[in-house]
Amino acid sequence: MKPKKIPMRMCVGCREMKPKKDLIRVVKSPEGEISLDFTGKKSGRGAYICRSAECFGKARKARCLEKAFSCRIDDSIYEVMADELQKNS
């Protein structure tokens, strides 16, 4: 029997390929709303980020999520995401 393939995704902060389940999905919904998706099931365009505050900080500073979604992300959204990240880590 062939071993199950582990889906890999790239973190937008550190640019490393990691197993999908080790990353948090950031989603831009069809309505343009950006949120964290801990289940990986929300519909919309996804980008992935490590569960570390360091990677989140890097991604925020370099505006990696804005580049991934081709839109401006308000600071208040980053604040909410940072709070959620701390709660769930």
Protein backbone atom coordinates (compact mmCIF):
# COMPACT_ATOMS: atom_id res chain seq x y z
CA MET A 1 0.00 0.00 0.00
CA LYS A 2 1.29 3.45 -0.95
CA PRO A 3 1.78 5.88 1.96
CA LYS A 4 -0.72 8.76 2.07
CA LYS A 5 0.60 11.96 0.50
CA ILE A 6 0.83 14.87 2.95
CA PRO A 7 -0.40 18.14 1.40
CA MET A 8 2.28 20.82 1.67
CA ARG A 9 1.77 24.60 1.64
CA MET A 10 4.12 27.57 1.75
CA CYS A 11 4.06 29.96 4.70
CA VAL A 12 3.80 33.56 3.45
CA GLY A 13 5.99 34.74 6.36
CA CYS A 14 9.05 32.47 6.28
CA ARG A 15 8.47 31.10 2.73
CA GLU A 16 9.02 27.51 3.93
CA MET A 17 7.04 24.52 2.70
CA LYS A 18 5.30 22.81 5.60
CA PRO A 19 2.48 20.26 6.06
CA LYS A 20 -0.88 21.96 5.56
CA LYS A 21 -2.17 20.86 8.99
CA ASP A 22 0.73 22.66 10.74
CA LEU A 23 -0.26 26.01 9.21
CA ILE A 24 -3.15 28.44 9.70
CA ARG A 25 -5.15 29.37 6.64
CA VAL A 26 -5.95 33.03 6.06
CA VAL A 27 -9.01 33.39 3.83
CA LYS A 28 -10.34 36.14 1.62
CA SER A 29 -14.03 35.34 1.20
CA PRO A 30 -15.90 35.99 -2.06
CA GLU A 31 -17.29 39.14 -0.32
CA GLY A 32 -13.72 40.38 0.26
CA GLU A 33 -13.66 39.72 4.02
CA ILE A 34 -10.33 38.49 5.43
CA SER A 35 -10.23 36.11 8.40
CA LEU A 36 -8.31 33.24 9.96
CA ASP A 37 -9.58 29.76 9.15
CA PHE A 38 -8.53 27.18 11.75
CA THR A 39 -10.66 24.45 10.13
CA GLY A 40 -9.33 24.90 6.58
CA LYS A 41 -12.88 24.59 5.23
CA LYS A 42 -14.03 28.18 4.63
CA SER A 43 -14.67 29.10 1.02
CA GLY A 44 -12.49 31.70 -0.66
CA ARG A 45 -8.89 32.38 -1.62
CA GLY A 46 -6.43 31.02 0.92
CA ALA A 47 -2.91 31.85 2.05
CA TYR A 48 -1.04 29.98 4.76
CA ILE A 49 0.99 31.15 7.72
CA CYS A 50 2.91 29.38 10.51
CA ARG A 51 1.38 29.27 13.98
CA SER A 52 4.16 31.52 15.31
CA ALA A 53 3.90 35.21 16.14
CA GLU A 54 7.33 35.67 14.52
CA CYS A 55 6.08 34.51 11.11
CA PHE A 56 2.91 36.56 11.46
CA GLY A 57 5.03 39.64 12.24
CA LYS A 58 7.25 39.01 9.21
CA ALA A 59 4.24 38.55 6.93
CA ARG A 60 2.63 41.72 8.26
CA LYS A 61 5.79 43.81 7.91
CA ALA A 62 6.48 42.63 4.35
CA ARG A 63 2.76 42.90 3.45
CA CYS A 64 2.82 39.27 2.22
CA LEU A 65 -0.91 38.74 2.77
CA GLU A 66 -1.75 41.90 0.84
CA LYS A 67 0.34 40.59 -2.08
CA ALA A 68 -1.28 37.14 -1.87
CA PHE A 69 -4.81 38.59 -1.94
CA SER A 70 -4.06 41.61 -4.19
CA CYS A 71 -5.83 43.99 -1.82
CA ARG A 72 -5.18 46.40 1.05
CA ILE A 73 -5.58 44.89 4.52
CA ASP A 74 -6.60 47.24 7.32
CA ASP A 75 -4.54 47.28 10.55
CA SER A 76 -7.65 46.39 12.58
CA ILE A 77 -7.85 43.06 10.70
CA TYR A 78 -4.21 42.34 11.59
CA GLU A 79 -4.99 43.10 15.26
CA VAL A 80 -7.91 40.64 15.30
CA MET A 81 -5.76 38.01 13.59
CA ALA A 82 -2.93 38.52 16.11
CA ASP A 83 -5.41 38.08 19.01
CA GLU A 84 -6.86 34.91 17.45
CA LEU A 85 -3.37 33.56 16.85
CA GLN A 86 -2.43 34.02 20.53
CA LYS A 87 -5.69 32.44 21.74
CA ASN A 88 -5.29 29.36 19.56
CA SER A 89 -1.58 28.73 20.02
